[in-house]
N, C-alpha and C. Protein backbone atom coordinates (compact mmCIF):
# COMPACT_ATOMS: atom_id res chain seq x y z
N MET A 1 214.65 -98.93 -16.37
CA MET A 1 214.70 -97.53 -15.92
C MET A 1 214.03 -97.42 -14.56
N ASN A 2 214.55 -96.52 -13.76
CA ASN A 2 213.92 -96.30 -12.47
C ASN A 2 213.06 -95.03 -12.51
N VAL A 3 212.36 -94.79 -11.42
CA VAL A 3 211.43 -93.67 -11.35
C VAL A 3 212.14 -92.34 -11.59
N ASP A 4 213.33 -92.18 -11.06
CA ASP A 4 214.06 -90.92 -11.22
C ASP A 4 214.31 -90.59 -12.69
N ARG A 5 214.82 -91.56 -13.41
CA ARG A 5 215.14 -91.33 -14.82
C ARG A 5 213.89 -91.06 -15.65
N ILE A 6 212.82 -91.80 -15.36
CA ILE A 6 211.57 -91.57 -16.08
C ILE A 6 211.04 -90.17 -15.78
N MET A 7 211.11 -89.77 -14.51
CA MET A 7 210.62 -88.43 -14.13
C MET A 7 211.41 -87.32 -14.82
N PHE A 8 212.73 -87.45 -14.82
CA PHE A 8 213.55 -86.41 -15.45
C PHE A 8 213.31 -86.36 -16.95
N ALA A 9 213.16 -87.52 -17.59
CA ALA A 9 212.89 -87.56 -19.03
C ALA A 9 211.53 -86.94 -19.34
N PHE A 10 210.51 -87.29 -18.54
CA PHE A 10 209.17 -86.77 -18.78
C PHE A 10 209.12 -85.26 -18.54
N ALA A 11 209.74 -84.80 -17.46
CA ALA A 11 209.75 -83.36 -17.16
C ALA A 11 210.48 -82.59 -18.25
N GLY A 12 211.58 -83.11 -18.73
CA GLY A 12 212.31 -82.45 -19.81
C GLY A 12 211.50 -82.39 -21.09
N ALA A 13 210.81 -83.49 -21.41
CA ALA A 13 209.98 -83.51 -22.62
C ALA A 13 208.82 -82.52 -22.50
N MET A 14 208.18 -82.45 -21.33
CA MET A 14 207.07 -81.52 -21.15
C MET A 14 207.56 -80.07 -21.19
N ASN A 15 208.74 -79.83 -20.66
CA ASN A 15 209.31 -78.49 -20.71
C ASN A 15 209.56 -78.06 -22.15
N LEU A 16 210.16 -78.94 -22.93
CA LEU A 16 210.40 -78.64 -24.34
C LEU A 16 209.10 -78.48 -25.11
N LEU A 17 208.11 -79.32 -24.81
CA LEU A 17 206.81 -79.19 -25.46
C LEU A 17 206.17 -77.84 -25.16
N GLY A 18 206.26 -77.40 -23.91
CA GLY A 18 205.72 -76.09 -23.55
C GLY A 18 206.41 -74.96 -24.29
N LEU A 19 207.71 -75.07 -24.46
CA LEU A 19 208.43 -74.04 -25.21
C LEU A 19 208.03 -74.03 -26.68
N VAL A 20 207.88 -75.21 -27.27
CA VAL A 20 207.46 -75.30 -28.67
C VAL A 20 206.05 -74.75 -28.84
N LEU A 21 205.15 -75.14 -27.96
CA LEU A 21 203.78 -74.64 -28.05
C LEU A 21 203.72 -73.13 -27.88
N GLY A 22 204.50 -72.61 -26.94
CA GLY A 22 204.51 -71.17 -26.70
C GLY A 22 205.11 -70.38 -27.85
N TYR A 23 206.09 -70.94 -28.49
CA TYR A 23 206.76 -70.23 -29.57
C TYR A 23 205.95 -70.27 -30.86
N TRP A 24 205.42 -71.46 -31.21
CA TRP A 24 204.78 -71.61 -32.51
C TRP A 24 203.26 -71.49 -32.50
N LEU A 25 202.60 -71.79 -31.37
CA LEU A 25 201.14 -71.77 -31.39
C LEU A 25 200.55 -70.59 -30.64
N HIS A 26 200.82 -70.52 -29.36
CA HIS A 26 200.22 -69.47 -28.55
C HIS A 26 201.08 -69.24 -27.32
N PRO A 27 201.20 -68.00 -26.88
CA PRO A 27 202.04 -67.72 -25.69
C PRO A 27 201.59 -68.45 -24.43
N TYR A 28 200.34 -68.88 -24.36
CA TYR A 28 199.90 -69.64 -23.19
C TYR A 28 200.59 -71.00 -23.10
N GLY A 29 201.22 -71.44 -24.16
CA GLY A 29 201.98 -72.69 -24.12
C GLY A 29 203.12 -72.62 -23.13
N PHE A 30 203.63 -71.42 -22.88
CA PHE A 30 204.72 -71.26 -21.91
C PHE A 30 204.25 -71.59 -20.49
N LEU A 31 202.95 -71.56 -20.26
CA LEU A 31 202.44 -71.91 -18.94
C LEU A 31 202.72 -73.37 -18.60
N LEU A 32 202.76 -74.23 -19.60
CA LEU A 32 203.10 -75.63 -19.36
C LEU A 32 204.52 -75.74 -18.82
N SER A 33 205.44 -75.01 -19.43
CA SER A 33 206.83 -75.02 -18.93
C SER A 33 206.91 -74.46 -17.52
N ALA A 34 206.14 -73.41 -17.25
CA ALA A 34 206.14 -72.82 -15.91
C ALA A 34 205.58 -73.81 -14.89
N PHE A 35 204.51 -74.50 -15.24
CA PHE A 35 203.92 -75.48 -14.33
C PHE A 35 204.89 -76.62 -14.04
N VAL A 36 205.54 -77.13 -15.06
CA VAL A 36 206.51 -78.22 -14.89
C VAL A 36 207.67 -77.75 -14.02
N GLY A 37 208.17 -76.56 -14.28
CA GLY A 37 209.27 -76.02 -13.48
C GLY A 37 208.89 -75.84 -12.02
N LEU A 38 207.70 -75.32 -11.76
CA LEU A 38 207.25 -75.14 -10.38
C LEU A 38 207.06 -76.48 -9.68
N ASN A 39 206.54 -77.46 -10.40
CA ASN A 39 206.37 -78.80 -9.82
C ASN A 39 207.73 -79.41 -9.48
N MET A 40 208.71 -79.23 -10.36
CA MET A 40 210.06 -79.75 -10.08
C MET A 40 210.67 -79.06 -8.87
N LEU A 41 210.44 -77.76 -8.75
CA LEU A 41 210.99 -77.01 -7.61
C LEU A 41 210.37 -77.47 -6.30
N GLN A 42 209.05 -77.58 -6.26
CA GLN A 42 208.42 -78.02 -5.01
C GLN A 42 208.78 -79.46 -4.69
N SER A 43 208.94 -80.28 -5.71
CA SER A 43 209.33 -81.67 -5.50
C SER A 43 210.73 -81.77 -4.89
N ALA A 44 211.61 -80.87 -5.27
CA ALA A 44 212.97 -80.87 -4.73
C ALA A 44 212.97 -80.60 -3.23
N PHE A 45 212.04 -79.76 -2.77
CA PHE A 45 212.01 -79.41 -1.35
C PHE A 45 211.14 -80.34 -0.52
N THR A 46 210.03 -80.83 -1.10
CA THR A 46 209.10 -81.63 -0.32
C THR A 46 209.25 -83.13 -0.54
N GLY A 47 209.78 -83.53 -1.70
CA GLY A 47 209.87 -84.94 -2.03
C GLY A 47 208.55 -85.51 -2.53
N PHE A 48 207.53 -84.68 -2.69
CA PHE A 48 206.22 -85.12 -3.15
C PHE A 48 206.08 -84.88 -4.65
N CYS A 49 205.83 -85.94 -5.39
CA CYS A 49 205.61 -85.84 -6.83
C CYS A 49 204.52 -86.84 -7.20
N PRO A 50 203.36 -86.35 -7.67
CA PRO A 50 202.26 -87.26 -7.98
C PRO A 50 202.63 -88.31 -9.03
N MET A 51 203.38 -87.95 -10.04
CA MET A 51 203.73 -88.92 -11.07
C MET A 51 204.67 -89.99 -10.53
N ALA A 52 205.54 -89.62 -9.62
CA ALA A 52 206.43 -90.61 -9.02
C ALA A 52 205.63 -91.64 -8.22
N ILE A 53 204.58 -91.19 -7.56
CA ILE A 53 203.72 -92.11 -6.81
C ILE A 53 203.04 -93.08 -7.76
N VAL A 54 202.53 -92.56 -8.87
CA VAL A 54 201.86 -93.41 -9.86
C VAL A 54 202.84 -94.42 -10.45
N LEU A 55 204.05 -93.97 -10.78
CA LEU A 55 205.04 -94.88 -11.35
C LEU A 55 205.43 -95.98 -10.37
N LYS A 56 205.53 -95.65 -9.08
CA LYS A 56 205.84 -96.67 -8.08
C LYS A 56 204.73 -97.70 -7.99
N LYS A 57 203.46 -97.23 -8.06
CA LYS A 57 202.34 -98.15 -8.01
C LYS A 57 202.27 -99.04 -9.24
N MET A 58 202.86 -98.56 -10.36
CA MET A 58 202.91 -99.36 -11.58
C MET A 58 204.04 -100.37 -11.54
N GLY A 59 204.84 -100.34 -10.48
CA GLY A 59 205.89 -101.34 -10.31
C GLY A 59 207.29 -100.90 -10.68
N MET A 60 207.47 -99.62 -11.01
CA MET A 60 208.81 -99.13 -11.34
C MET A 60 209.65 -99.06 -10.06
N GLN A 61 210.93 -99.31 -10.20
CA GLN A 61 211.83 -99.26 -9.06
C GLN A 61 212.20 -97.81 -8.74
N PRO A 62 212.08 -97.39 -7.48
CA PRO A 62 212.46 -96.02 -7.15
C PRO A 62 213.97 -95.84 -7.15
N GLY A 63 214.40 -94.65 -7.53
CA GLY A 63 215.81 -94.31 -7.45
C GLY A 63 216.07 -93.59 -6.15
N CYS A 64 217.20 -92.92 -6.05
CA CYS A 64 217.54 -92.27 -4.77
C CYS A 64 216.74 -90.99 -4.54
N ALA A 65 216.18 -90.37 -5.57
CA ALA A 65 215.44 -89.12 -5.39
C ALA A 65 214.03 -89.36 -4.88
N PHE A 66 213.38 -90.44 -5.28
CA PHE A 66 211.99 -90.69 -4.91
C PHE A 66 211.85 -92.02 -4.20
N LYS A 67 212.44 -92.15 -3.03
CA LYS A 67 212.33 -93.40 -2.25
C LYS A 67 211.08 -93.40 -1.42
């Protein structure tokens, strides 16, 4: 797997986790989904993603989104 696929999978999982937490535990769980969404939006415009940097340093191959 490359960095792009890992990032999309992780962001999707965190988004779903935020929805589950917000629905079943506490409405503040929705803040996790909001944070993930905002990070994805800023990453689309700036190309800066902290997790992508960490994954590259761990030796994962970058895809076309995070070169």
